[in-house]
Amino acid sequence: MIRLLAAAFVLLPLSVPAQTVPEPEEYRMDHYRDPVPGSLTGGTVIGPEEAHELWVAGTAGFIDVLPQPPKPANLPEGTIWRDKPRHTIPGAIWLPNVGYGAIADVTAAYFREGLEKATGDDIDHPLVIFCLEDCWMSWNAAKRAIEWGYTSVYWLPEGTDGWQLWDYPLEKVEPEAGQPQAGN
């Protein structure tokens, strides 16, 4: 009996393979916090270690696309609203809400301005785009940057979660100026 159990144990896989998510042709339009693909056509998928190397070298612009929830319109009078603080990769530009599958023209303009700032208006300058782990916002934003002609787009699918796991530094940041208001 012990030999049978030992033999069965040897035959069991030691790890379960990660779920494979196919890369869609279009932008992701819903369920933004789900497993993401392992690829990005036209871009380079990197992990926290590679992102850290780019950060240390100072050779890439870093764009954080974590959404920022709007202040609810129906809060009772006198309610104090405090935005949740965002801690991100030092030096990154936080462009909230640019990673949705469909964005308004004013949001697209805000995103383009942020990309221009991060790259010095050079479409060949490397960009690292991220959010949180399993966040389609960063995949959408990276795909959009590639479609707009940026030639050196790095996507960090583990985002600040993976960055922090490696014990790399984070800093509190505010959204980049010019952020469109909710509904735009």
Protein backbone atom coordinates (compact mmCIF):
# COMPACT_ATOMS: atom_id res chain seq x y z
CA MET A 1 0.00 0.00 0.00
CA ILE A 2 2.80 2.42 0.90
CA ARG A 3 4.53 1.67 -2.42
CA LEU A 4 1.32 2.45 -4.31
CA LEU A 5 0.93 5.79 -2.51
CA ALA A 6 4.59 6.62 -3.11
CA ALA A 7 4.25 5.75 -6.80
CA ALA A 8 1.10 7.87 -7.09
CA PHE A 9 2.87 10.80 -5.41
CA VAL A 10 5.78 10.58 -7.86
CA LEU A 11 3.37 10.77 -10.78
CA LEU A 12 1.61 13.91 -9.52
CA PRO A 13 2.81 17.18 -11.06
CA LEU A 14 4.80 19.36 -8.69
CA SER A 15 3.08 22.54 -9.82
CA VAL A 16 -0.07 23.50 -11.60
CA PRO A 17 0.59 25.35 -14.87
CA ALA A 18 -0.58 28.95 -14.94
CA GLN A 19 -3.80 29.67 -16.77
CA THR A 20 -3.07 30.60 -20.38
CA VAL A 21 -5.05 33.60 -21.53
CA PRO A 22 -5.03 34.22 -25.27
CA GLU A 23 -4.14 37.70 -26.45
CA PRO A 24 -7.28 39.31 -27.89
CA GLU A 25 -7.27 41.23 -31.16
CA GLU A 26 -9.25 44.12 -29.68
CA TYR A 27 -9.11 46.01 -26.39
CA ARG A 28 -10.46 44.36 -23.26
CA MET A 29 -13.80 46.06 -22.51
CA ASP A 30 -14.77 44.58 -19.12
CA HIS A 31 -13.57 42.44 -16.22
CA TYR A 32 -10.37 44.47 -15.99
CA ARG A 33 -9.06 42.56 -12.94
CA ASP A 34 -8.73 39.09 -14.44
CA PRO A 35 -5.79 36.97 -15.59
CA VAL A 36 -3.97 38.66 -18.48
CA PRO A 37 -2.20 37.20 -21.51
CA GLY A 38 1.51 36.54 -21.49
CA SER A 39 2.04 38.48 -24.70
CA LEU A 40 1.50 41.88 -26.27
CA THR A 41 1.83 42.10 -30.03
CA GLY A 42 4.33 44.81 -30.91
CA GLY A 43 5.53 45.18 -27.32
CA THR A 44 7.85 43.42 -24.89
CA VAL A 45 6.54 41.70 -21.78
CA ILE A 46 8.88 42.15 -18.81
CA GLY A 47 8.95 41.18 -15.16
CA PRO A 48 9.88 43.27 -12.14
CA GLU A 49 13.60 42.51 -12.42
CA GLU A 50 13.81 43.76 -16.02
CA ALA A 51 11.69 46.79 -15.13
CA HIS A 52 14.01 47.54 -12.22
CA GLU A 53 17.03 47.39 -14.54
CA LEU A 54 15.38 49.93 -16.86
CA TRP A 55 14.46 52.09 -13.87
CA VAL A 56 18.00 52.02 -12.44
CA ALA A 57 19.48 52.80 -15.86
CA GLY A 58 17.04 55.72 -16.28
CA THR A 59 16.50 54.78 -19.90
CA ALA A 60 12.72 54.42 -19.95
CA GLY A 61 9.66 56.46 -19.07
CA PHE A 62 7.33 54.77 -16.58
CA ILE A 63 3.55 55.13 -16.93
CA ASP A 64 1.16 53.94 -14.20
CA VAL A 65 -2.40 53.55 -15.47
CA LEU A 66 -4.20 52.43 -12.30
CA PRO A 67 -7.73 53.87 -12.41
CA GLN A 68 -8.80 56.38 -9.79
CA PRO A 69 -12.37 56.02 -8.55
CA PRO A 70 -14.33 59.27 -8.86
CA LYS A 71 -15.92 60.92 -5.87
CA PRO A 72 -19.51 59.61 -5.73
CA ALA A 73 -21.99 62.27 -6.82
CA ASN A 74 -24.61 61.31 -4.25
CA LEU A 75 -22.59 61.59 -1.04
CA PRO A 76 -24.55 63.14 1.81
CA GLU A 77 -23.70 66.78 2.48
CA GLY A 78 -20.76 67.12 4.83
CA THR A 79 -19.27 63.72 3.95
CA ILE A 80 -15.51 63.85 3.80
CA TRP A 81 -14.04 62.22 0.69
CA ARG A 82 -10.43 61.21 0.57
CA ASP A 83 -8.89 59.72 -2.55
CA LYS A 84 -7.06 56.47 -1.91
CA PRO A 85 -3.32 57.20 -2.01
CA ARG A 86 -1.36 55.66 -4.86
CA HIS A 87 2.13 54.33 -4.24
CA THR A 88 3.99 53.64 -7.45
CA ILE A 89 7.41 53.21 -9.00
CA PRO A 90 9.47 56.33 -8.21
CA GLY A 91 9.48 58.76 -11.12
CA ALA A 92 6.47 57.19 -12.81
CA ILE A 93 3.74 59.37 -14.24
CA TRP A 94 0.29 58.34 -12.99
CA LEU A 95 -2.30 58.62 -15.75
CA PRO A 96 -5.49 57.22 -14.19
CA ASN A 97 -8.31 55.86 -16.29
CA VAL A 98 -6.47 55.75 -19.64
CA GLY A 99 -6.50 51.94 -19.77
CA TYR A 100 -10.19 51.31 -20.33
CA GLY A 101 -11.09 49.53 -23.55
CA ALA A 102 -12.89 52.59 -24.88
CA ILE A 103 -11.82 56.07 -23.85
CA ALA A 104 -13.21 59.51 -24.65
CA ASP A 105 -11.26 61.88 -26.88
CA VAL A 106 -10.36 64.06 -23.89
CA THR A 107 -8.94 61.01 -22.08
CA ALA A 108 -7.01 59.97 -25.19
CA ALA A 109 -5.54 63.49 -25.38
CA TYR A 110 -4.57 63.28 -21.68
CA PHE A 111 -2.89 59.92 -22.32
CA ARG A 112 -1.03 61.22 -25.40
CA GLU A 113 0.24 64.23 -23.41
CA GLY A 114 1.48 61.91 -20.66
CA LEU A 115 3.24 59.67 -23.17
CA GLU A 116 4.88 62.71 -24.76
CA LYS A 117 6.07 63.90 -21.36
CA ALA A 118 7.46 60.47 -20.42
CA THR A 119 9.31 60.10 -23.73
CA GLY A 120 10.36 63.69 -24.40
CA ASP A 121 8.04 63.49 -27.43
CA ASP A 122 10.21 60.71 -28.93
CA ILE A 123 8.13 57.73 -30.09
CA ASP A 124 11.27 55.56 -30.04
CA HIS A 125 12.03 56.28 -26.37
CA PRO A 126 11.37 53.19 -24.20
CA LEU A 127 8.16 53.16 -22.16
CA VAL A 128 7.20 50.85 -19.30
CA ILE A 129 3.43 50.66 -18.81
CA PHE A 130 1.93 49.03 -15.73
CA CYS A 131 -0.90 48.95 -13.20
CA LEU A 132 -1.42 46.09 -10.73
CA GLU A 133 -1.04 42.36 -11.23
CA ASP A 134 -3.76 40.88 -13.45
CA CYS A 135 -4.91 44.30 -14.60
CA TRP A 136 -6.09 44.64 -18.18
CA MET A 137 -5.82 48.43 -17.91
CA SER A 138 -2.07 48.24 -18.46
CA TRP A 139 -2.44 45.80 -21.36
CA ASN A 140 -4.98 48.10 -23.04
CA ALA A 141 -2.82 51.18 -22.46
CA ALA A 142 0.31 49.47 -23.81
CA LYS A 143 -1.62 48.24 -26.86
CA ARG A 144 -2.92 51.77 -27.44
CA ALA A 145 0.60 53.26 -27.21
CA ILE A 146 1.83 50.73 -29.78
CA GLU A 147 -1.09 51.58 -32.10
CA TRP A 148 -0.17 55.27 -31.76
CA GLY A 149 3.30 54.48 -33.10
CA TYR A 150 5.44 54.05 -29.98
CA THR A 151 8.14 51.59 -30.96
CA SER A 152 9.67 50.52 -27.65
CA VAL A 153 6.80 49.62 -25.35
CA TYR A 154 7.44 47.40 -22.36
CA TRP A 155 4.48 45.94 -20.50
CA LEU A 156 4.88 44.97 -16.84
CA PRO A 157 1.87 42.71 -16.19
CA GLU A 158 2.80 42.20 -12.52
CA GLY A 159 2.64 45.97 -12.00
CA THR A 160 3.37 47.51 -8.64
CA ASP A 161 2.33 44.26 -6.93
CA GLY A 162 5.28 42.43 -8.50
CA TRP A 163 7.57 45.43 -8.04
CA GLN A 164 6.78 45.55 -4.33
CA LEU A 165 7.20 41.78 -3.99
CA TRP A 166 10.85 42.25 -4.99
CA ASP A 167 11.11 44.93 -2.30
CA TYR A 168 11.83 47.68 -4.82
CA PRO A 169 10.96 51.21 -3.69
CA LEU A 170 7.57 52.85 -4.08
CA GLU A 171 6.58 56.47 -3.64
CA LYS A 172 3.29 58.26 -3.16
CA VAL A 173 2.18 60.04 -6.31
CA GLU A 174 -0.66 62.26 -7.46
CA PRO A 175 -2.36 61.96 -10.86
CA GLU A 176 -0.70 63.87 -13.67
CA ALA A 177 -2.21 67.33 -14.07
CA GLY A 178 -4.99 67.70 -16.62
CA GLN A 179 -6.86 64.54 -15.71
CA PRO A 180 -10.33 64.57 -17.29
CA GLN A 181 -13.24 64.57 -14.87
CA ALA A 182 -15.45 61.49 -14.50
CA GLY A 183 -17.71 60.98 -17.47
CA ASN A 184 -15.15 62.37 -19.94
